[in-house]
Amino acid sequence: LEIIAPEDLASGDLSRFDTIVLGIRAYDVRSDVREYNARLLEFVNNGGTLLVQYNSSLGVFNQGHYTPYPATLSRDRVTVEEAPVTILDPASPVFRSPNAIRARDFDAWVQERGLYFMSQWDDHFQPLLSCADPGDSPQKGGLLYARYGKGVYLYTGYAFFRQLPAGVPGAIRLFVNLLSAGQTGSP
């Protein structure tokens, strides 16, 4: 694990990484991430994997056009941590390697499923999961996958920031798969 300093994001060699993970609210609080987003997209275009976790400043994110293809961040969320999750493409390598992801991997999540899901996205994005609070319509914008150039861009609003510290096994297994998405092929 290495934290990328602003000066490294500005001009460092990002090709030394296989995967870069942007923490929650990275675009909200780090001006260098906003300023050098083109370098992150170039990293993906050249074969890297970029995993972007949720941001809460909708205006900043949507007006910044930080995704490789058009997408609209929203306040959509799923607050019930037991809400059933549907794997939309079980054959996708994202759910097969290095861990086989099953419905049970969504058991024992804490506090919520996710927040700040995308409400709209370009056809280049593939939604990978669907879930909803009781009585609500299924939401598919919580985990989006796109090939961009030689690499993979992922957006997730799923609450890994809560699940990983809590040691939720299924969330850890899925997160490892997301980190490996660029090495496992397209969904």
Protein backbone atom coordinates (compact mmCIF):
# COMPACT_ATOMS: atom_id res chain seq x y z
CA LEU A 1 0.00 0.00 0.00
CA GLU A 2 1.34 3.41 -0.93
CA ILE A 3 -0.35 6.78 -0.56
CA ILE A 4 0.20 8.86 -3.68
CA ALA A 5 1.36 12.34 -2.72
CA PRO A 6 0.09 15.35 -4.69
CA GLU A 7 3.48 15.84 -6.38
CA ASP A 8 3.54 12.19 -7.48
CA LEU A 9 0.03 12.48 -8.87
CA ALA A 10 1.12 15.61 -10.73
CA SER A 11 4.23 14.19 -12.35
CA GLY A 12 5.24 10.82 -10.89
CA ASP A 13 5.39 7.50 -12.70
CA LEU A 14 1.91 6.04 -12.17
CA SER A 15 2.68 3.08 -14.44
CA ARG A 16 4.47 1.40 -11.54
CA PHE A 17 1.02 0.63 -10.07
CA ASP A 18 -1.39 -2.05 -11.27
CA THR A 19 -4.31 -0.51 -9.37
CA ILE A 20 -5.02 2.89 -7.85
CA VAL A 21 -7.83 3.26 -5.32
CA LEU A 22 -9.37 6.64 -4.64
CA GLY A 23 -10.71 6.78 -1.12
CA ILE A 24 -14.14 8.06 -0.25
CA ARG A 25 -14.62 11.74 -1.02
CA ALA A 26 -11.25 12.02 -2.79
CA TYR A 27 -12.64 14.47 -5.36
CA ASP A 28 -14.36 16.37 -2.54
CA VAL A 29 -11.25 17.05 -0.47
CA ARG A 30 -8.16 16.67 -2.65
CA SER A 31 -7.69 19.46 -5.16
CA ASP A 32 -4.78 17.54 -6.74
CA VAL A 33 -7.09 14.61 -7.55
CA ARG A 34 -9.44 17.00 -9.33
CA GLU A 35 -6.59 18.89 -11.02
CA TYR A 36 -4.75 15.79 -12.23
CA ASN A 37 -7.73 13.57 -12.99
CA ALA A 38 -6.57 13.43 -16.62
CA ARG A 39 -3.43 11.64 -15.40
CA LEU A 40 -5.59 9.07 -13.60
CA LEU A 41 -7.60 8.46 -16.76
CA GLU A 42 -4.36 8.20 -18.75
CA PHE A 43 -3.20 5.58 -16.21
CA VAL A 44 -6.36 3.58 -16.98
CA ASN A 45 -6.03 4.12 -20.73
CA ASN A 46 -2.50 2.71 -20.54
CA GLY A 47 -3.63 -0.47 -18.78
CA GLY A 48 -4.15 0.36 -15.11
CA THR A 49 -7.16 -0.25 -12.90
CA LEU A 50 -8.74 2.75 -11.18
CA LEU A 51 -11.23 2.06 -8.38
CA VAL A 52 -13.14 5.22 -7.47
CA GLN A 53 -15.14 5.16 -4.24
CA TYR A 54 -18.07 7.47 -3.54
CA ASN A 55 -17.95 11.25 -3.39
CA SER A 56 -20.59 13.44 -1.80
CA SER A 57 -20.17 16.80 -3.55
CA LEU A 58 -22.47 16.07 -6.45
CA GLY A 59 -21.95 19.42 -8.14
CA VAL A 60 -18.15 19.19 -8.00
CA PHE A 61 -18.09 15.63 -9.25
CA ASN A 62 -20.72 15.97 -11.97
CA GLN A 63 -19.41 19.28 -13.28
CA GLY A 64 -15.83 17.97 -13.23
CA HIS A 65 -16.61 15.13 -15.66
CA TYR A 66 -14.09 12.91 -13.88
CA THR A 67 -15.32 9.60 -15.29
CA PRO A 68 -13.96 8.34 -18.63
CA TYR A 69 -17.50 8.29 -20.06
CA PRO A 70 -20.53 10.34 -19.00
CA ALA A 71 -22.07 9.38 -15.66
CA THR A 72 -24.17 11.24 -13.12
CA LEU A 73 -23.52 10.93 -9.42
CA SER A 74 -26.63 11.06 -7.22
CA ARG A 75 -27.67 10.84 -3.59
CA ASP A 76 -29.22 7.40 -4.25
CA ARG A 77 -28.40 4.96 -1.50
CA VAL A 78 -29.41 1.68 0.08
CA THR A 79 -29.49 2.04 3.86
CA VAL A 80 -30.70 -1.42 4.87
CA GLU A 81 -27.57 -3.52 5.28
CA GLU A 82 -29.57 -6.73 4.82
CA ALA A 83 -31.11 -5.58 1.51
CA PRO A 84 -30.77 -8.43 -1.00
CA VAL A 85 -28.05 -7.89 -3.60
CA THR A 86 -28.37 -9.30 -7.10
CA ILE A 87 -25.24 -10.11 -9.06
CA LEU A 88 -26.24 -8.99 -12.54
CA ASP A 89 -23.62 -10.99 -14.46
CA PRO A 90 -22.47 -13.97 -12.37
CA ALA A 91 -20.13 -15.08 -15.18
CA SER A 92 -18.17 -11.83 -14.98
CA PRO A 93 -14.53 -12.30 -13.97
CA VAL A 94 -15.16 -9.62 -11.31
CA PHE A 95 -17.22 -12.23 -9.47
CA ARG A 96 -15.02 -15.21 -10.29
CA SER A 97 -11.40 -14.25 -9.73
CA PRO A 98 -9.51 -14.47 -7.53
CA ASN A 99 -12.56 -15.16 -5.31
CA ALA A 100 -15.85 -16.76 -6.32
CA ILE A 101 -18.46 -14.23 -5.15
CA ARG A 102 -21.86 -15.57 -4.14
CA ALA A 103 -24.99 -14.16 -2.50
CA ARG A 104 -23.62 -15.11 0.93
CA ASP A 105 -20.77 -12.63 0.45
CA PHE A 106 -23.32 -9.90 1.11
CA ASP A 107 -24.23 -11.34 4.52
CA ALA A 108 -23.26 -9.53 7.74
CA TRP A 109 -22.61 -6.14 6.15
CA VAL A 110 -22.73 -3.30 8.66
CA GLN A 111 -24.70 -0.04 8.76
CA GLU A 112 -25.67 0.19 5.06
CA ARG A 113 -25.15 -1.26 1.60
CA GLY A 114 -23.99 1.94 -0.03
CA LEU A 115 -24.49 5.59 -0.84
CA TYR A 116 -24.00 8.09 -3.64
CA PHE A 117 -24.79 5.62 -6.39
CA MET A 118 -24.73 6.76 -10.00
CA SER A 119 -28.19 7.52 -11.37
CA GLN A 120 -27.25 7.59 -15.07
CA TRP A 121 -24.30 6.31 -17.08
CA ASP A 122 -23.04 5.87 -20.61
CA ASP A 123 -23.42 2.50 -22.31
CA HIS A 124 -19.67 1.92 -21.91
CA PHE A 125 -20.38 1.27 -18.23
CA GLN A 126 -21.73 -2.08 -17.14
CA PRO A 127 -23.67 -2.19 -13.86
CA LEU A 128 -22.53 -5.22 -11.88
CA LEU A 129 -24.87 -5.29 -8.86
CA SER A 130 -28.42 -4.33 -8.04
CA CYS A 131 -30.11 -3.78 -4.69
CA ALA A 132 -32.77 -1.64 -3.06
CA ASP A 133 -34.23 -0.69 0.28
CA PRO A 134 -37.59 -2.36 0.95
CA GLY A 135 -40.29 -0.82 -1.24
CA ASP A 136 -37.82 1.01 -3.49
CA SER A 137 -36.90 0.28 -7.10
CA PRO A 138 -33.70 -1.70 -7.74
CA GLN A 139 -30.63 0.48 -8.01
CA LYS A 140 -27.89 -0.57 -10.40
CA GLY A 141 -25.53 2.42 -10.10
CA GLY A 142 -23.64 1.27 -7.02
CA LEU A 143 -20.92 -0.66 -8.87
CA LEU A 144 -20.08 0.26 -12.46
CA TYR A 145 -17.37 -1.28 -14.65
CA ALA A 146 -15.92 0.15 -17.85
CA ARG A 147 -13.05 -0.75 -20.11
CA TYR A 148 -11.15 2.41 -21.04
CA GLY A 149 -8.29 1.96 -23.46
CA LYS A 150 -6.23 -0.94 -22.14
CA GLY A 151 -7.45 -0.59 -18.55
CA VAL A 152 -10.43 -0.78 -16.24
CA TYR A 153 -12.35 2.01 -14.53
CA LEU A 154 -14.62 1.08 -11.60
CA TYR A 155 -16.97 3.29 -9.62
CA THR A 156 -18.43 2.04 -6.37
CA GLY A 157 -20.83 3.57 -3.93
CA TYR A 158 -20.96 0.33 -1.93
CA ALA A 159 -19.81 0.99 1.64
CA PHE A 160 -16.48 -0.82 1.60
CA PHE A 161 -15.18 1.95 3.87
CA ARG A 162 -17.44 0.49 6.59
CA GLN A 163 -17.14 -3.19 5.69
CA LEU A 164 -13.35 -3.51 5.45
CA PRO A 165 -12.58 -2.06 8.93
CA ALA A 166 -15.38 -4.26 10.33
CA GLY A 167 -13.73 -7.33 8.78
CA VAL A 168 -16.79 -8.41 6.78
CA PRO A 169 -15.43 -11.45 4.88
CA GLY A 170 -17.58 -11.18 1.75
CA ALA A 171 -16.85 -7.48 1.33
CA ILE A 172 -13.13 -8.15 1.66
CA ARG A 173 -13.34 -10.92 -0.95
CA LEU A 174 -15.24 -8.67 -3.38
CA PHE A 175 -12.88 -5.74 -2.80
CA VAL A 176 -9.89 -7.98 -3.61
CA ASN A 177 -11.63 -8.94 -6.85
CA LEU A 178 -12.16 -5.28 -7.71
CA LEU A 179 -8.48 -4.58 -7.08
CA SER A 180 -7.68 -7.41 -9.51
CA ALA A 181 -10.29 -6.45 -12.15
CA GLY A 182 -7.75 -5.29 -14.71
CA GLN A 183 -5.91 -8.59 -14.56
CA THR A 184 -8.99 -10.82 -14.90
CA GLY A 185 -10.41 -9.62 -18.22
CA SER A 186 -13.67 -7.90 -19.05
CA PRO A 187 -16.99 -8.85 -17.47
